Amino acid sequence: QVQLVESGGGLVQAGGSLRLSCAASGRTFSSYAMGWFRQAPGKEREFVATINWSGGSTYYADSVKGRFTISRDNAKNTVYLQMNSLKPEDTAVYYCAAARVPAGVVGAYDYWGQGTQVTVSS
């Protein structure tokens, strides 16, 4: 069992930056791949980024590539999402999730956090 708690969301102007954190409970955190997803009002949850258990491999959605960076600190049981050059279309609730392998689909993830709101004003 893995419990995930996101933090770091908020209101930011277009072009600004935010760093999201996701703290995980349990001693098995380092065995999981981690992912970030987002869901805007009226839209389906979509993949943002994923990272493998060691942090050596990362994958991004085309919409965030070059602007967002996913990383993890296994000693702190935490995964991060650094978001730069934010756009109004990045506005959504952001969720972190844990899976056995890195994946870009919702169904591959076994555990989810409660989400944190990110709002980007124009």
C-alpha atoms as a PDB file:
ATOM      1  CA  GLN A   1       0.000   0.000   0.000  1.00  0.00           C
ATOM      2  CA  VAL A   2       1.266   3.453  -0.929  1.00  0.00           C
ATOM      3  CA  GLN A   3      -0.338   6.692   0.183  1.00  0.00           C
ATOM      4  CA  LEU A   4       0.428   9.825  -1.808  1.00  0.00           C
ATOM      5  CA  VAL A   5      -0.022  13.470  -0.808  1.00  0.00           C
ATOM      6  CA  GLU A   6       0.556  16.290  -3.289  1.00  0.00           C
ATOM      7  CA  SER A   7       1.453  19.870  -2.407  1.00  0.00           C
ATOM      8  CA  GLY A   8       2.773  23.020  -4.051  1.00  0.00           C
ATOM      9  CA  GLY A   9      -0.139  24.010  -6.233  1.00  0.00           C
ATOM     10  CA  GLY A  10      -1.438  27.554  -6.427  1.00  0.00           C
ATOM     11  CA  LEU A  11      -2.135  30.577  -8.582  1.00  0.00           C
ATOM     12  CA  VAL A  12       0.618  31.851 -10.885  1.00  0.00           C
ATOM     13  CA  GLN A  13       0.806  34.220 -13.829  1.00  0.00           C
ATOM     14  CA  ALA A  14       1.559  32.966 -17.309  1.00  0.00           C
ATOM     15  CA  GLY A  15       5.296  32.527 -17.761  1.00  0.00           C
ATOM     16  CA  GLY A  16       5.816  31.770 -14.090  1.00  0.00           C
ATOM     17  CA  SER A  17       6.958  28.627 -12.323  1.00  0.00           C
ATOM     18  CA  LEU A  18       5.727  26.218  -9.675  1.00  0.00           C
ATOM     19  CA  ARG A  19       7.181  23.091  -8.125  1.00  0.00           C
ATOM     20  CA  LEU A  20       4.819  20.344  -7.100  1.00  0.00           C
ATOM     21  CA  SER A  21       5.793  17.739  -4.532  1.00  0.00           C
ATOM     22  CA  CYS A  22       4.301  14.346  -3.850  1.00  0.00           C
ATOM     23  CA  ALA A  23       5.170  12.691  -0.554  1.00  0.00           C
ATOM     24  CA  ALA A  24       4.724   8.931  -0.350  1.00  0.00           C
ATOM     25  CA  SER A  25       4.266   6.721   2.665  1.00  0.00           C
ATOM     26  CA  GLY A  26       5.637   3.212   2.916  1.00  0.00           C
ATOM     27  CA  ARG A  27       9.048   1.635   2.585  1.00  0.00           C
ATOM     28  CA  THR A  28       8.450   0.429  -0.976  1.00  0.00           C
ATOM     29  CA  PHE A  29       8.412   3.858  -2.624  1.00  0.00           C
ATOM     30  CA  SER A  30      11.717   3.274  -4.406  1.00  0.00           C
ATOM     31  CA  SER A  31      10.326   0.177  -6.129  1.00  0.00           C
ATOM     32  CA  TYR A  32       7.594   2.143  -7.918  1.00  0.00           C
ATOM     33  CA  ALA A  33       7.608   4.200 -11.043  1.00  0.00           C
ATOM     34  CA  MET A  34       5.887   7.521 -10.440  1.00  0.00           C
ATOM     35  CA  GLY A  35       3.776   9.668 -12.672  1.00  0.00           C
ATOM     36  CA  TRP A  36       2.090  13.039 -12.809  1.00  0.00           C
ATOM     37  CA  PHE A  37      -1.294  13.501 -14.458  1.00  0.00           C
ATOM     38  CA  ARG A  38      -3.651  16.446 -14.706  1.00  0.00           C
ATOM     39  CA  GLN A  39      -7.344  17.004 -15.182  1.00  0.00           C
ATOM     40  CA  ALA A  40      -8.964  20.226 -16.320  1.00  0.00           C
ATOM     41  CA  PRO A  41     -12.686  20.896 -15.792  1.00  0.00           C
ATOM     42  CA  GLY A  42     -14.793  18.933 -18.255  1.00  0.00           C
ATOM     43  CA  LYS A  43     -11.808  17.013 -19.600  1.00  0.00           C
ATOM     44  CA  GLU A  44     -10.363  13.568 -19.074  1.00  0.00           C
ATOM     45  CA  ARG A  45      -7.344  12.997 -16.880  1.00  0.00           C
ATOM     46  CA  GLU A  46      -4.232  13.216 -19.027  1.00  0.00           C
ATOM     47  CA  PHE A  47      -0.640  12.086 -18.720  1.00  0.00           C
ATOM     48  CA  VAL A  48       2.006  14.698 -17.938  1.00  0.00           C
ATOM     49  CA  ALA A  49       5.243  12.894 -16.999  1.00  0.00           C
ATOM     50  CA  THR A  50       6.611   9.684 -15.560  1.00  0.00           C
ATOM     51  CA  ILE A  51       9.880   8.552 -13.995  1.00  0.00           C
ATOM     52  CA  ASN A  52      11.256   5.090 -13.343  1.00  0.00           C
ATOM     53  CA  TRP A  53      12.215   3.728  -9.925  1.00  0.00           C
ATOM     54  CA  SER A  54      15.791   5.034 -10.002  1.00  0.00           C
ATOM     55  CA  GLY A  55      15.129   8.367 -11.665  1.00  0.00           C
ATOM     56  CA  GLY A  56      17.256   7.381 -14.615  1.00  0.00           C
ATOM     57  CA  SER A  57      14.455   7.410 -17.158  1.00  0.00           C
ATOM     58  CA  THR A  58      11.814  10.050 -17.690  1.00  0.00           C
ATOM     59  CA  TYR A  59       9.050  10.555 -20.259  1.00  0.00           C
ATOM     60  CA  TYR A  60       6.884  13.580 -20.956  1.00  0.00           C
ATOM     61  CA  ALA A  61       3.735  14.514 -22.795  1.00  0.00           C
ATOM     62  CA  ASP A  62       4.509  16.591 -25.866  1.00  0.00           C
ATOM     63  CA  SER A  63       2.522  19.476 -24.413  1.00  0.00           C
ATOM     64  CA  VAL A  64       4.947  19.898 -21.494  1.00  0.00           C
ATOM     65  CA  LYS A  65       8.234  18.685 -22.952  1.00  0.00           C
ATOM     66  CA  GLY A  66      10.975  21.266 -22.444  1.00  0.00           C
ATOM     67  CA  ARG A  67       8.970  23.144 -19.800  1.00  0.00           C
ATOM     68  CA  PHE A  68       8.325  20.553 -17.064  1.00  0.00           C
ATOM     69  CA  THR A  69      10.836  18.331 -15.261  1.00  0.00           C
ATOM     70  CA  ILE A  70       9.990  15.283 -13.168  1.00  0.00           C
ATOM     71  CA  SER A  71      12.451  14.094 -10.529  1.00  0.00           C
ATOM     72  CA  ARG A  72      12.499  11.988  -7.392  1.00  0.00           C
ATOM     73  CA  ASP A  73      14.362  11.658  -4.122  1.00  0.00           C
ATOM     74  CA  ASN A  74      14.020   8.104  -2.867  1.00  0.00           C
ATOM     75  CA  ALA A  75      15.658   8.979   0.451  1.00  0.00           C
ATOM     76  CA  LYS A  76      12.811  11.415   1.079  1.00  0.00           C
ATOM     77  CA  ASN A  77      10.060   9.289  -0.514  1.00  0.00           C
ATOM     78  CA  THR A  78       9.175  12.268  -2.689  1.00  0.00           C
ATOM     79  CA  VAL A  79       8.613  12.940  -6.366  1.00  0.00           C
ATOM     80  CA  TYR A  80       8.649  16.428  -7.830  1.00  0.00           C
ATOM     81  CA  LEU A  81       7.311  18.229 -10.864  1.00  0.00           C
ATOM     82  CA  GLN A  82       9.098  21.460 -11.721  1.00  0.00           C
ATOM     83  CA  MET A  83       6.884  23.505 -14.010  1.00  0.00           C
ATOM     84  CA  ASN A  84       8.364  26.456 -15.891  1.00  0.00           C
ATOM     85  CA  SER A  85       6.993  28.782 -18.558  1.00  0.00           C
ATOM     86  CA  LEU A  86       3.475  28.016 -17.412  1.00  0.00           C
ATOM     87  CA  LYS A  87       0.556  28.688 -19.746  1.00  0.00           C
ATOM     88  CA  PRO A  88      -3.151  29.198 -19.020  1.00  0.00           C
ATOM     89  CA  GLU A  89      -3.822  25.827 -20.666  1.00  0.00           C
ATOM     90  CA  ASP A  90      -1.753  24.179 -17.904  1.00  0.00           C
ATOM     91  CA  THR A  91      -4.544  25.025 -15.458  1.00  0.00           C
ATOM     92  CA  ALA A  92      -5.800  21.782 -13.924  1.00  0.00           C
ATOM     93  CA  VAL A  93      -5.806  19.594 -10.852  1.00  0.00           C
ATOM     94  CA  TYR A  94      -2.480  17.760 -10.803  1.00  0.00           C
ATOM     95  CA  TYR A  95      -2.252  14.220  -9.462  1.00  0.00           C
ATOM     96  CA  CYS A  96       0.710  12.040  -8.663  1.00  0.00           C
ATOM     97  CA  ALA A  97       0.428   8.277  -8.977  1.00  0.00           C
ATOM     98  CA  ALA A  98       2.468   5.114  -8.465  1.00  0.00           C
ATOM     99  CA  ALA A  99       2.841   2.205 -10.876  1.00  0.00           C
ATOM    100  CA  ARG A 100       4.979  -0.919 -11.252  1.00  0.00           C
ATOM    101  CA  VAL A 101       6.526   0.400 -14.467  1.00  0.00           C
ATOM    102  CA  PRO A 102       6.644   3.846 -16.126  1.00  0.00           C
ATOM    103  CA  ALA A 103       3.544   4.385 -18.207  1.00  0.00           C
ATOM    104  CA  GLY A 104       1.552   7.093 -19.902  1.00  0.00           C
ATOM    105  CA  VAL A 105      -1.928   5.761 -19.239  1.00  0.00           C
ATOM    106  CA  VAL A 106      -4.180   6.158 -16.221  1.00  0.00           C
ATOM    107  CA  GLY A 107      -4.960   2.450 -16.017  1.00  0.00           C
ATOM    108  CA  ALA A 108      -1.355   1.467 -15.353  1.00  0.00           C
ATOM    109  CA  TYR A 109      -1.268   3.251 -12.002  1.00  0.00           C
ATOM    110  CA  ASP A 110      -2.256   1.538  -8.775  1.00  0.00           C
ATOM    111  CA  TYR A 111      -2.180   4.402  -6.287  1.00  0.00           C
ATOM    112  CA  TRP A 112      -3.259   8.033  -6.566  1.00  0.00           C
ATOM    113  CA  GLY A 113      -3.007  11.184  -4.517  1.00  0.00           C
ATOM    114  CA  GLN A 114      -5.884  13.550  -3.877  1.00  0.00           C
ATOM    115  CA  GLY A 115      -4.618  16.210  -6.275  1.00  0.00           C
ATOM    116  CA  THR A 116      -3.468  19.815  -6.046  1.00  0.00           C
ATOM    117  CA  GLN A 117      -4.920  22.734  -7.992  1.00  0.00           C
ATOM    118  CA  VAL A 118      -2.719  24.710 -10.379  1.00  0.00           C
ATOM    119  CA  THR A 119      -4.201  27.855 -11.884  1.00  0.00           C
ATOM    120  CA  VAL A 120      -2.326  29.905 -14.461  1.00  0.00           C
ATOM    121  CA  SER A 121      -3.699  33.364 -15.177  1.00  0.00           C
ATOM    122  CA  SER A 122      -3.174  35.149 -18.478  1.00  0.00           C
END
